[in-house]
Structure formats: structure tokens, C-alpha cells
Amino acid sequence: MGKHSATGWWVPLTKRWILALLIMLSISTAIAFFIRAALDPCDRHLEVSDKKRVQSQSVPRIATKSSPLSFMKSKLVLLVSHELSLSGGPLLLMELAFLLRGVGTKVNWITIQKPSEEDEVIYSLEHKMWDRGVQVISAKGQETINTALKADLIVLNTAVAGKWLDAVLKEDVPRVLPNVLWWIHEMRGHYFKLDYVKHLPLVAGAMIDSHVTAEYWKNRTRERLRIKMPDTYVVHLGNSKELMEVAEDNVAKRVLREHVRESLGVRNEDLLFAIINSMNFLLIRSCVANFLTASAFI
């Protein structure tokens, strides 16, 4: 693409590398859970019998070899979250961190906004990440800048995370943009500000949760901000390939609808409303696994 021409011959390679990562993330829920269970990053130097020791050592080797993410071993990934809470965005990013850690990726985590006082949720989630081998570092400082410059991949989570680039990296921003994947969840109008997304056209790619949201971003950035979206990929969180196929089959859709309504005790003459306000933590694993399997990067 013309926008990358100034950065040299390695930009197309970097972009293909990021797309390859997203393609290889397309794994089934079962495989994802298997990898996570098999590749526990905690210390396993326990006194066990020779037989158990052979089993515990052989499982990670098999899992790493069979995992589509095995090529990410020893790579450095920086995950940038606008906040750390029990809301959908941060928890999805945490699940991605754990999947990457499961195959030996070096994962660093940054939380941009933190309250001045101690927060029990943040404390708990940070320690959960530390326990799984995710390095939680400061959102600013020389260590953070060095990490960003060395990272093979940087994932910006949500549109508002874009302000972190100029605030922290400053003149080094152009050096990291070819390695940035921007994961956007928002759809409200007040997020369409140049302060947030002025670097969006120059990143390697954007990932958005639905075709409607992707089209909305494409139109609003062009009409309001006069900027162009980068290569954009749509991932339907929580929607498996099988469910999408059923949704396109009128007969299967009607049968599934009747089955769901019957299981909920809803009669034919009843009107059913479903409101999704936030994502339950127990659903996050399934959502991320389906994000990987329903990938539009193929």
C-alpha cells in the first residue's frame, strides 16, 4: 500500500506476518482449551514418579507442535488496553494474552487508565496475568518505549487506546505503526476524533466486531475525519462458523429458532426481547475462541 512506502522493504513483510498471525489464530475452541490446559506457564518442578514426569514433559511438546500458534513461540507481543476491568474489551484481550502465553509468546501488558487509589478488580486481574506469565508494565517510561520498539506485534485495544501512541512514544510513533493491529469495539459517535484515531490509516490492520460496525467506521472516518481506514477485518465474537451457516439457511434458522424458544418456555404468540449489556467473564473464553475460529483473515 502507498501509505507504507516510506518505511522500507520490510513493511510488506511485517504486514504479511501480522496477517499470518491472525490466520493461524483460527483454531477451534477445543484446541484452544487443550493448549491452555497443557501449556500452564507455572513452575512444574514437582517430585513425581518417572512416568508422570515423562507425561508432563511430553504434553507441552505435542501441544506446541500441533498448535497453529506455535510459530509465535519466543515472539514479543505488546497488548495495550485503555483500562483493566471486568468489561468485555479488557477481558477479551486477557484471553488473547493467555492463548499466546500458552505457546511460549512473550507477552507484555499495558493499562493506560488506572485510578489513583488501589482497586481490587485491577489488583486481582493483574495478579492473574502475572501468574500466567504475562508481564504487566507501566503505561509510560523508557522501559515501555523500548518494549514497543522491540515488539513483533502491538495490539491496541479499543479506539481510545490510540491516544497512548503520541502521549508515550512521541517521535517513535512512525517506527511502531507497521506492527500495530488495532482492535476496535466502539460504535458511538464521540469516538470519531482525530485525537484518538489519526494514526489509524497507517497501522497494519484494524479488527472490528461486526460488518455493520466496520462499515460505520469506514463511512464516518471518511466523511467526518477525511481519513482512510486500513485493511479491516471483521470477527463475529461468539458466533461460530456453524451458527453463521445456520443463520443463512432459512429452514435451519426456523428449526433452531423454534428449538430455542421452546427451551426458554416462549410460546409462538409471545414476543421475546434479548438485551446484552455486558459480557460475562465465563463467556469470554468462548468469545475469544470463536474470534479465532471465525476469523475473516483467511
C-alpha atoms as a PDB file:
ATOM      1  CA  MET A   1       0.000   0.000   0.000  1.00  0.00           C
ATOM      2  CA  GLY A   2       1.215   3.515  -0.779  1.00  0.00           C
ATOM      3  CA  LYS A   3       0.996   4.690   2.784  1.00  0.00           C
ATOM      4  CA  HIS A   4       3.745   2.310   3.824  1.00  0.00           C
ATOM      5  CA  SER A   5       6.236   3.099   1.098  1.00  0.00           C
ATOM      6  CA  ALA A   6       8.371   5.366   3.296  1.00  0.00           C
ATOM      7  CA  THR A   7       9.118   2.697   5.819  1.00  0.00           C
ATOM      8  CA  GLY A   8      11.080   0.418   3.542  1.00  0.00           C
ATOM      9  CA  TRP A   9      11.017  -3.080   2.146  1.00  0.00           C
ATOM     10  CA  TRP A  10      10.268  -4.743   5.474  1.00  0.00           C
ATOM     11  CA  VAL A  11       6.809  -3.201   5.851  1.00  0.00           C
ATOM     12  CA  PRO A  12       5.046  -5.610   3.451  1.00  0.00           C
ATOM     13  CA  LEU A  13       6.781  -8.469   5.220  1.00  0.00           C
ATOM     14  CA  THR A  14       5.607  -7.170   8.586  1.00  0.00           C
ATOM     15  CA  LYS A  15       2.071  -6.817   7.312  1.00  0.00           C
ATOM     16  CA  ARG A  16       2.043 -10.322   5.878  1.00  0.00           C
ATOM     17  CA  TRP A  17       3.470 -11.542   9.167  1.00  0.00           C
ATOM     18  CA  ILE A  18       0.642  -9.948  11.148  1.00  0.00           C
ATOM     19  CA  LEU A  19      -1.956 -11.331   8.769  1.00  0.00           C
ATOM     20  CA  ALA A  20      -0.318 -14.750   9.062  1.00  0.00           C
ATOM     21  CA  LEU A  21      -0.669 -14.478  12.828  1.00  0.00           C
ATOM     22  CA  LEU A  22      -4.370 -13.728  12.524  1.00  0.00           C
ATOM     23  CA  ILE A  23      -4.875 -16.589  10.089  1.00  0.00           C
ATOM     24  CA  MET A  24      -3.059 -19.005  12.355  1.00  0.00           C
ATOM     25  CA  LEU A  25      -5.196 -17.866  15.293  1.00  0.00           C
ATOM     26  CA  SER A  26      -8.120 -19.637  13.619  1.00  0.00           C
ATOM     27  CA  ILE A  27      -8.301 -22.642  15.943  1.00  0.00           C
ATOM     28  CA  SER A  28     -11.233 -24.494  17.426  1.00  0.00           C
ATOM     29  CA  THR A  29     -12.468 -23.958  20.963  1.00  0.00           C
ATOM     30  CA  ALA A  30     -11.395 -27.447  21.917  1.00  0.00           C
ATOM     31  CA  ILE A  31      -7.844 -26.950  20.655  1.00  0.00           C
ATOM     32  CA  ALA A  32      -7.598 -23.583  22.366  1.00  0.00           C
ATOM     33  CA  PHE A  33      -8.666 -25.023  25.690  1.00  0.00           C
ATOM     34  CA  PHE A  34      -6.371 -28.014  25.207  1.00  0.00           C
ATOM     35  CA  ILE A  35      -3.392 -25.762  24.574  1.00  0.00           C
ATOM     36  CA  ARG A  36      -4.211 -23.605  27.579  1.00  0.00           C
ATOM     37  CA  ALA A  37      -4.537 -26.612  29.826  1.00  0.00           C
ATOM     38  CA  ALA A  38      -1.405 -28.281  28.520  1.00  0.00           C
ATOM     39  CA  LEU A  39       0.876 -25.248  28.499  1.00  0.00           C
ATOM     40  CA  ASP A  40       0.477 -23.938  32.033  1.00  0.00           C
ATOM     41  CA  PRO A  41       3.313 -21.419  32.476  1.00  0.00           C
ATOM     42  CA  CYS A  42       3.610 -22.093  36.194  1.00  0.00           C
ATOM     43  CA  ASP A  43       6.658 -23.905  37.566  1.00  0.00           C
ATOM     44  CA  ARG A  44       6.142 -27.663  37.354  1.00  0.00           C
ATOM     45  CA  HIS A  45       9.262 -28.881  39.139  1.00  0.00           C
ATOM     46  CA  LEU A  46       7.392 -31.252  41.426  1.00  0.00           C
ATOM     47  CA  GLU A  47       8.517 -34.537  42.877  1.00  0.00           C
ATOM     48  CA  VAL A  48       6.611 -37.056  40.777  1.00  0.00           C
ATOM     49  CA  SER A  49       7.210 -40.516  39.508  1.00  0.00           C
ATOM     50  CA  ASP A  50       9.238 -41.041  36.341  1.00  0.00           C
ATOM     51  CA  LYS A  51       6.110 -41.937  34.447  1.00  0.00           C
ATOM     52  CA  LYS A  52       4.261 -38.759  35.427  1.00  0.00           C
ATOM     53  CA  ARG A  53       7.355 -36.688  34.686  1.00  0.00           C
ATOM     54  CA  VAL A  54       7.542 -38.083  31.146  1.00  0.00           C
ATOM     55  CA  GLN A  55       3.834 -37.375  30.646  1.00  0.00           C
ATOM     56  CA  SER A  56       4.063 -33.807  31.938  1.00  0.00           C
ATOM     57  CA  GLN A  57       7.052 -33.096  29.729  1.00  0.00           C
ATOM     58  CA  SER A  58       5.648 -34.696  26.599  1.00  0.00           C
ATOM     59  CA  VAL A  59       2.264 -32.944  26.609  1.00  0.00           C
ATOM     60  CA  PRO A  60       3.636 -29.420  26.043  1.00  0.00           C
ATOM     61  CA  ARG A  61       5.815 -30.649  23.179  1.00  0.00           C
ATOM     62  CA  ILE A  62       2.843 -32.275  21.457  1.00  0.00           C
ATOM     63  CA  ALA A  63       0.580 -29.280  22.076  1.00  0.00           C
ATOM     64  CA  THR A  64       3.141 -26.769  20.835  1.00  0.00           C
ATOM     65  CA  LYS A  65       3.809 -28.789  17.690  1.00  0.00           C
ATOM     66  CA  SER A  66       0.120 -29.220  16.886  1.00  0.00           C
ATOM     67  CA  SER A  67      -0.919 -25.660  17.722  1.00  0.00           C
ATOM     68  CA  PRO A  68      -1.432 -23.216  14.843  1.00  0.00           C
ATOM     69  CA  LEU A  69       0.092 -20.605  17.178  1.00  0.00           C
ATOM     70  CA  SER A  70       3.379 -22.441  17.651  1.00  0.00           C
ATOM     71  CA  PHE A  71       5.183 -20.064  15.269  1.00  0.00           C
ATOM     72  CA  MET A  72       4.583 -17.318  17.871  1.00  0.00           C
ATOM     73  CA  LYS A  73       6.940 -19.001  20.324  1.00  0.00           C
ATOM     74  CA  SER A  74       9.523 -16.521  21.680  1.00  0.00           C
ATOM     75  CA  LYS A  75       7.917 -13.614  19.789  1.00  0.00           C
ATOM     76  CA  LEU A  76       7.317 -10.398  21.723  1.00  0.00           C
ATOM     77  CA  VAL A  77       3.766  -9.047  21.792  1.00  0.00           C
ATOM     78  CA  LEU A  78       2.667  -5.832  23.500  1.00  0.00           C
ATOM     79  CA  LEU A  79      -1.012  -5.559  24.444  1.00  0.00           C
ATOM     80  CA  VAL A  80      -2.305  -2.047  25.136  1.00  0.00           C
ATOM     81  CA  SER A  81      -5.622  -1.757  26.969  1.00  0.00           C
ATOM     82  CA  HIS A  82      -7.418   1.509  27.710  1.00  0.00           C
ATOM     83  CA  GLU A  83      -8.446   0.135  31.114  1.00  0.00           C
ATOM     84  CA  LEU A  84      -8.406  -3.043  33.193  1.00  0.00           C
ATOM     85  CA  SER A  85     -11.855  -4.051  34.331  1.00  0.00           C
ATOM     86  CA  LEU A  86     -14.444  -6.802  34.054  1.00  0.00           C
ATOM     87  CA  SER A  87     -15.861  -5.275  30.886  1.00  0.00           C
ATOM     88  CA  GLY A  88     -15.712  -7.088  27.558  1.00  0.00           C
ATOM     89  CA  GLY A  89     -12.747  -5.398  25.880  1.00  0.00           C
ATOM     90  CA  PRO A  90     -10.095  -5.926  28.581  1.00  0.00           C
ATOM     91  CA  LEU A  91     -11.229  -9.483  29.302  1.00  0.00           C
ATOM     92  CA  LEU A  92     -11.091 -10.432  25.633  1.00  0.00           C
ATOM     93  CA  LEU A  93      -7.590  -9.024  25.432  1.00  0.00           C
ATOM     94  CA  MET A  94      -6.614 -11.016  28.537  1.00  0.00           C
ATOM     95  CA  GLU A  95      -7.825 -14.215  26.920  1.00  0.00           C
ATOM     96  CA  LEU A  96      -5.715 -13.440  23.858  1.00  0.00           C
ATOM     97  CA  ALA A  97      -2.755 -12.885  26.176  1.00  0.00           C
ATOM     98  CA  PHE A  98      -3.251 -16.292  27.807  1.00  0.00           C
ATOM     99  CA  LEU A  99      -3.569 -18.074  24.459  1.00  0.00           C
ATOM    100  CA  LEU A 100      -0.311 -16.510  23.305  1.00  0.00           C
ATOM    101  CA  ARG A 101       1.431 -17.351  26.572  1.00  0.00           C
ATOM    102  CA  GLY A 102       0.278 -20.938  26.129  1.00  0.00           C
ATOM    103  CA  VAL A 103       2.604 -21.351  23.140  1.00  0.00           C
ATOM    104  CA  GLY A 104       5.556 -19.518  24.611  1.00  0.00           C
ATOM    105  CA  THR A 105       4.963 -15.978  23.349  1.00  0.00           C
ATOM    106  CA  LYS A 106       6.492 -13.199  25.432  1.00  0.00           C
ATOM    107  CA  VAL A 107       3.509 -11.037  26.328  1.00  0.00           C
ATOM    108  CA  ASN A 108       3.659  -7.594  27.939  1.00  0.00           C
ATOM    109  CA  TRP A 109       0.527  -5.778  29.099  1.00  0.00           C
ATOM    110  CA  ILE A 110      -0.098  -2.049  29.469  1.00  0.00           C
ATOM    111  CA  THR A 111      -3.132  -0.434  31.105  1.00  0.00           C
ATOM    112  CA  ILE A 112      -3.455   3.209  30.092  1.00  0.00           C
ATOM    113  CA  GLN A 113      -6.015   4.452  32.611  1.00  0.00           C
ATOM    114  CA  LYS A 114      -5.758   3.495  36.265  1.00  0.00           C
ATOM    115  CA  PRO A 115      -7.432   5.068  39.306  1.00  0.00           C
ATOM    116  CA  SER A 116      -5.174   6.822  41.794  1.00  0.00           C
ATOM    117  CA  GLU A 117      -6.435   4.663  44.649  1.00  0.00           C
ATOM    118  CA  GLU A 118      -5.981   0.911  44.850  1.00  0.00           C
ATOM    119  CA  ASP A 119      -8.650  -1.051  43.001  1.00  0.00           C
ATOM    120  CA  GLU A 120      -9.457  -4.627  43.975  1.00  0.00           C
ATOM    121  CA  VAL A 121     -10.501  -5.648  40.461  1.00  0.00           C
ATOM    122  CA  ILE A 122      -7.305  -4.299  38.895  1.00  0.00           C
ATOM    123  CA  TYR A 123      -5.208  -5.895  41.629  1.00  0.00           C
ATOM    124  CA  SER A 124      -6.872  -9.269  41.079  1.00  0.00           C
ATOM    125  CA  LEU A 125      -6.654  -9.198  37.278  1.00  0.00           C
ATOM    126  CA  GLU A 126      -3.018  -8.056  37.261  1.00  0.00           C
ATOM    127  CA  HIS A 127      -2.022 -10.870  39.599  1.00  0.00           C
ATOM    128  CA  LYS A 128      -3.940 -13.320  37.431  1.00  0.00           C
ATOM    129  CA  MET A 129      -1.857 -12.194  34.478  1.00  0.00           C
ATOM    130  CA  TRP A 130       1.395 -12.363  36.445  1.00  0.00           C
ATOM    131  CA  ASP A 131       0.501 -15.927  37.466  1.00  0.00           C
ATOM    132  CA  ARG A 132       0.061 -16.845  33.801  1.00  0.00           C
ATOM    133  CA  GLY A 133       3.369 -15.309  32.761  1.00  0.00           C
ATOM    134  CA  VAL A 134       2.055 -12.028  31.317  1.00  0.00           C
ATOM    135  CA  GLN A 135       4.370  -9.139  32.236  1.00  0.00           C
ATOM    136  CA  VAL A 136       2.391  -6.125  33.442  1.00  0.00           C
ATOM    137  CA  ILE A 137       4.421  -2.968  32.854  1.00  0.00           C
ATOM    138  CA  SER A 138       3.859   0.753  33.244  1.00  0.00           C
ATOM    139  CA  ALA A 139       1.957   2.593  30.531  1.00  0.00           C
ATOM    140  CA  LYS A 140       4.789   5.085  30.139  1.00  0.00           C
ATOM    141  CA  GLY A 141       8.518   5.396  30.664  1.00  0.00           C
ATOM    142  CA  GLN A 142      11.649   4.282  28.870  1.00  0.00           C
ATOM    143  CA  GLU A 143      11.024   0.581  29.540  1.00  0.00           C
ATOM    144  CA  THR A 144       7.664   0.872  27.824  1.00  0.00           C
ATOM    145  CA  ILE A 145       9.147   2.703  24.837  1.00  0.00           C
ATOM    146  CA  ASN A 146      11.891   0.086  24.477  1.00  0.00           C
ATOM    147  CA  THR A 147       9.323  -2.711  24.654  1.00  0.00           C
ATOM    148  CA  ALA A 148       7.164  -1.094  21.975  1.00  0.00           C
ATOM    149  CA  LEU A 149      10.141  -0.624  19.655  1.00  0.00           C
ATOM    150  CA  LYS A 150      11.215  -4.262  20.062  1.00  0.00           C
ATOM    151  CA  ALA A 151       7.730  -5.789  19.853  1.00  0.00           C
ATOM    152  CA  ASP A 152       6.926  -8.041  16.905  1.00  0.00           C
ATOM    153  CA  LEU A 153       3.252  -7.144  17.294  1.00  0.00           C
ATOM    154  CA  ILE A 154       1.389  -4.390  19.177  1.00  0.00           C
ATOM    155  CA  VAL A 155      -2.356  -4.780  19.756  1.00  0.00           C
ATOM    156  CA  LEU A 156      -4.225  -1.559  20.551  1.00  0.00           C
ATOM    157  CA  ASN A 157      -7.495  -2.490  22.234  1.00  0.00           C
ATOM    158  CA  THR A 158     -10.374  -0.043  21.582  1.00  0.00           C
ATOM    159  CA  ALA A 159     -10.289   3.253  19.712  1.00  0.00           C
ATOM    160  CA  VAL A 160      -9.354   5.368  22.746  1.00  0.00           C
ATOM    161  CA  ALA A 161      -6.063   3.473  23.108  1.00  0.00           C
ATOM    162  CA  GLY A 162      -4.803   5.497  20.144  1.00  0.00           C
ATOM    163  CA  LYS A 163      -4.011   8.497  22.368  1.00  0.00           C
ATOM    164  CA  TRP A 164      -1.323   6.412  24.066  1.00  0.00           C
ATOM    165  CA  LEU A 165       0.807   6.426  20.926  1.00  0.00           C
ATOM    166  CA  ASP A 166       1.547  10.158  20.873  1.00  0.00           C
ATOM    167  CA  ALA A 167       1.481  10.578  24.646  1.00  0.00           C
ATOM    168  CA  VAL A 168       4.189   7.959  25.255  1.00  0.00           C
ATOM    169  CA  LEU A 169       6.035   7.100  22.046  1.00  0.00           C
ATOM    170  CA  LYS A 170       6.084  10.633  20.616  1.00  0.00           C
ATOM    171  CA  GLU A 171       8.628  10.791  17.747  1.00  0.00           C
ATOM    172  CA  ASP A 172       8.925   6.975  17.743  1.00  0.00           C
ATOM    173  CA  VAL A 173       5.294   6.502  16.656  1.00  0.00           C
ATOM    174  CA  PRO A 174       6.100   6.009  12.929  1.00  0.00           C
ATOM    175  CA  ARG A 175       8.506   3.195  13.824  1.00  0.00           C
ATOM    176  CA  VAL A 176       5.843   1.077  15.503  1.00  0.00           C
ATOM    177  CA  LEU A 177       2.791   1.709  13.295  1.00  0.00           C
ATOM    178  CA  PRO A 178       3.652  -1.053  10.746  1.00  0.00           C
ATOM    179  CA  ASN A 179       3.492  -3.563  13.630  1.00  0.00           C
ATOM    180  CA  VAL A 180       0.161  -2.379  15.064  1.00  0.00           C
ATOM    181  CA  LEU A 181      -3.102  -4.310  14.927  1.00  0.00           C
ATOM    182  CA  TRP A 182      -5.949  -2.075  16.117  1.00  0.00           C
ATOM    183  CA  TRP A 183      -8.834  -3.965  17.726  1.00  0.00           C
ATOM    184  CA  ILE A 184     -11.877  -1.661  17.704  1.00  0.00           C
ATOM    185  CA  HIS A 185     -15.089  -2.399  19.586  1.00  0.00           C
ATOM    186  CA  GLU A 186     -16.757   1.023  19.817  1.00  0.00           C
ATOM    187  CA  MET A 187     -19.542   2.317  17.608  1.00  0.00           C
ATOM    188  CA  ARG A 188     -20.624   5.545  19.332  1.00  0.00           C
ATOM    189  CA  GLY A 189     -20.030   8.821  17.545  1.00  0.00           C
ATOM    190  CA  HIS A 190     -17.852  10.544  20.142  1.00  0.00           C
ATOM    191  CA  TYR A 191     -15.035   8.078  19.428  1.00  0.00           C
ATOM    192  CA  PHE A 192     -14.582   9.502  15.925  1.00  0.00           C
ATOM    193  CA  LYS A 193     -11.974  12.072  16.895  1.00  0.00           C
ATOM    194  CA  LEU A 194      -8.576  12.647  15.342  1.00  0.00           C
ATOM    195  CA  ASP A 195      -7.079  12.705  18.836  1.00  0.00           C
ATOM    196  CA  TYR A 196      -7.963   9.020  19.054  1.00  0.00           C
ATOM    197  CA  VAL A 197      -7.558   7.666  15.538  1.00  0.00           C
ATOM    198  CA  LYS A 198      -5.329   9.968  13.488  1.00  0.00           C
ATOM    199  CA  HIS A 199      -2.762   7.153  13.122  1.00  0.00           C
ATOM    200  CA  LEU A 200      -5.387   4.604  12.073  1.00  0.00           C
ATOM    201  CA  PRO A 201      -4.667   4.772   8.306  1.00  0.00           C
ATOM    202  CA  LEU A 202      -1.008   3.840   8.864  1.00  0.00           C
ATOM    203  CA  VAL A 203      -1.341   0.732  11.024  1.00  0.00           C
ATOM    204  CA  ALA A 204      -1.015  -2.765   9.591  1.00  0.00           C
ATOM    205  CA  GLY A 205      -4.690  -3.573  10.081  1.00  0.00           C
ATOM    206  CA  ALA A 206      -7.888  -2.990  12.031  1.00  0.00           C
ATOM    207  CA  MET A 207     -10.088  -5.678  13.524  1.00  0.00           C
ATOM    208  CA  ILE A 208     -13.755  -4.900  14.185  1.00  0.00           C
ATOM    209  CA  ASP A 209     -16.519  -6.979  15.755  1.00  0.00           C
ATOM    210  CA  SER A 210     -19.185  -6.794  13.026  1.00  0.00           C
ATOM    211  CA  HIS A 211     -19.724  -5.833   9.397  1.00  0.00           C
ATOM    212  CA  VAL A 212     -22.160  -3.102  10.452  1.00  0.00           C
ATOM    213  CA  THR A 213     -19.604  -1.536  12.779  1.00  0.00           C
ATOM    214  CA  ALA A 214     -16.855  -1.861  10.174  1.00  0.00           C
ATOM    215  CA  GLU A 215     -18.991  -0.107   7.552  1.00  0.00           C
ATOM    216  CA  TYR A 216     -19.901   2.585  10.084  1.00  0.00           C
ATOM    217  CA  TRP A 217     -16.240   3.229  10.843  1.00  0.00           C
ATOM    218  CA  LYS A 218     -15.358   3.287   7.162  1.00  0.00           C
ATOM    219  CA  ASN A 219     -18.032   5.870   6.366  1.00  0.00           C
ATOM    220  CA  ARG A 220     -17.582   8.082   9.423  1.00  0.00           C
ATOM    221  CA  THR A 221     -13.796   8.257   9.207  1.00  0.00           C
ATOM    222  CA  ARG A 222     -14.040   9.169   5.528  1.00  0.00           C
ATOM    223  CA  GLU A 223     -16.868  11.696   5.862  1.00  0.00           C
ATOM    224  CA  ARG A 224     -16.066  13.287   9.204  1.00  0.00           C
ATOM    225  CA  LEU A 225     -12.303  12.941   9.568  1.00  0.00           C
ATOM    226  CA  ARG A 226     -11.233  12.669   5.911  1.00  0.00           C
ATOM    227  CA  ILE A 227      -9.018   9.701   6.663  1.00  0.00           C
ATOM    228  CA  LYS A 228      -8.988   6.204   5.208  1.00  0.00           C
ATOM    229  CA  MET A 229      -9.365   3.012   7.179  1.00  0.00           C
ATOM    230  CA  PRO A 230      -6.506   0.490   6.921  1.00  0.00           C
ATOM    231  CA  ASP A 231      -7.141  -3.071   5.797  1.00  0.00           C
ATOM    232  CA  THR A 232     -10.078  -4.029   8.003  1.00  0.00           C
ATOM    233  CA  TYR A 233     -11.106  -7.500   9.130  1.00  0.00           C
ATOM    234  CA  VAL A 234     -14.396  -8.488  10.736  1.00  0.00           C
ATOM    235  CA  VAL A 235     -14.630 -11.068  13.506  1.00  0.00           C
ATOM    236  CA  HIS A 236     -18.032 -12.019  14.904  1.00  0.00           C
ATOM    237  CA  LEU A 237     -17.313 -12.541  18.592  1.00  0.00           C
ATOM    238  CA  GLY A 238     -19.204 -15.516  19.982  1.00  0.00           C
ATOM    239  CA  ASN A 239     -20.575 -16.603  16.590  1.00  0.00           C
ATOM    240  CA  SER A 240     -19.199 -19.886  15.348  1.00  0.00           C
ATOM    241  CA  LYS A 241     -18.949 -20.769  11.674  1.00  0.00           C
ATOM    242  CA  GLU A 242     -21.729 -23.334  12.175  1.00  0.00           C
ATOM    243  CA  LEU A 243     -24.054 -20.716  13.680  1.00  0.00           C
ATOM    244  CA  MET A 244     -23.393 -18.320  10.813  1.00  0.00           C
ATOM    245  CA  GLU A 245     -24.203 -21.076   8.300  1.00  0.00           C
ATOM    246  CA  VAL A 246     -27.476 -21.808  10.116  1.00  0.00           C
ATOM    247  CA  ALA A 247     -28.321 -18.091  10.115  1.00  0.00           C
ATOM    248  CA  GLU A 248     -28.077 -18.082   6.304  1.00  0.00           C
ATOM    249  CA  ASP A 249     -30.253 -21.208   5.915  1.00  0.00           C
ATOM    250  CA  ASN A 250     -33.942 -20.283   6.251  1.00  0.00           C
ATOM    251  CA  VAL A 251     -35.081 -23.810   7.100  1.00  0.00           C
ATOM    252  CA  ALA A 252     -32.319 -24.430   9.649  1.00  0.00           C
ATOM    253  CA  LYS A 253     -32.858 -20.978  11.114  1.00  0.00           C
ATOM    254  CA  ARG A 254     -36.571 -21.634  11.645  1.00  0.00           C
ATOM    255  CA  VAL A 255     -35.900 -25.012  13.273  1.00  0.00           C
ATOM    256  CA  LEU A 256     -33.235 -23.528  15.551  1.00  0.00           C
ATOM    257  CA  ARG A 257     -35.499 -20.612  16.451  1.00  0.00           C
ATOM    258  CA  GLU A 258     -38.325 -22.941  17.441  1.00  0.00           C
ATOM    259  CA  HIS A 259     -35.938 -25.062  19.486  1.00  0.00           C
ATOM    260  CA  VAL A 260     -34.535 -22.065  21.377  1.00  0.00           C
ATOM    261  CA  ARG A 261     -37.960 -20.580  22.069  1.00  0.00           C
ATOM    262  CA  GLU A 262     -39.252 -23.935  23.279  1.00  0.00           C
ATOM    263  CA  SER A 263     -36.273 -24.404  25.602  1.00  0.00           C
ATOM    264  CA  LEU A 264     -36.947 -20.948  27.086  1.00  0.00           C
ATOM    265  CA  GLY A 265     -40.636 -21.634  27.517  1.00  0.00           C
ATOM    266  CA  VAL A 266     -41.598 -18.947  24.993  1.00  0.00           C
ATOM    267  CA  ARG A 267     -44.852 -19.542  23.102  1.00  0.00           C
ATOM    268  CA  ASN A 268     -45.386 -18.735  19.423  1.00  0.00           C
ATOM    269  CA  GLU A 269     -47.568 -15.743  20.266  1.00  0.00           C
ATOM    270  CA  ASP A 270     -45.010 -14.344  22.746  1.00  0.00           C
ATOM    271  CA  LEU A 271     -42.626 -11.549  21.875  1.00  0.00           C
ATOM    272  CA  LEU A 272     -39.070 -12.148  23.092  1.00  0.00           C
ATOM    273  CA  PHE A 273     -36.597  -9.352  23.809  1.00  0.00           C
ATOM    274  CA  ALA A 274     -32.911 -10.060  24.418  1.00  0.00           C
ATOM    275  CA  ILE A 275     -30.625  -7.343  25.748  1.00  0.00           C
ATOM    276  CA  ILE A 276     -26.873  -7.828  26.025  1.00  0.00           C
ATOM    277  CA  ASN A 277     -25.442  -5.156  28.318  1.00  0.00           C
ATOM    278  CA  SER A 278     -22.010  -6.548  29.119  1.00  0.00           C
ATOM    279  CA  MET A 279     -20.012  -9.722  28.664  1.00  0.00           C
ATOM    280  CA  ASN A 280     -19.999 -12.321  31.408  1.00  0.00           C
ATOM    281  CA  PHE A 281     -16.491 -13.461  32.316  1.00  0.00           C
ATOM    282  CA  LEU A 282     -17.492 -17.091  31.832  1.00  0.00           C
ATOM    283  CA  LEU A 283     -18.353 -16.305  28.199  1.00  0.00           C
ATOM    284  CA  ILE A 284     -15.054 -14.640  27.422  1.00  0.00           C
ATOM    285  CA  ARG A 285     -13.195 -17.881  26.697  1.00  0.00           C
ATOM    286  CA  SER A 286     -15.847 -18.945  24.235  1.00  0.00           C
ATOM    287  CA  CYS A 287     -15.952 -15.486  22.653  1.00  0.00           C
ATOM    288  CA  VAL A 288     -12.203 -15.322  22.118  1.00  0.00           C
ATOM    289  CA  ALA A 289     -12.031 -18.883  20.839  1.00  0.00           C
ATOM    290  CA  ASN A 290     -14.770 -18.039  18.364  1.00  0.00           C
ATOM    291  CA  PHE A 291     -12.916 -14.826  17.496  1.00  0.00           C
ATOM    292  CA  LEU A 292     -10.059 -17.059  16.486  1.00  0.00           C
ATOM    293  CA  THR A 293     -12.161 -19.595  14.597  1.00  0.00           C
ATOM    294  CA  ALA A 294     -14.487 -17.084  12.927  1.00  0.00           C
ATOM    295  CA  SER A 295     -11.520 -15.071  11.667  1.00  0.00           C
ATOM    296  CA  ALA A 296     -12.077 -13.156   8.460  1.00  0.00           C
ATOM    297  CA  PHE A 297      -8.381 -13.085   7.669  1.00  0.00           C
ATOM    298  CA  ILE A 298      -8.418 -16.231   5.531  1.00  0.00           C
END
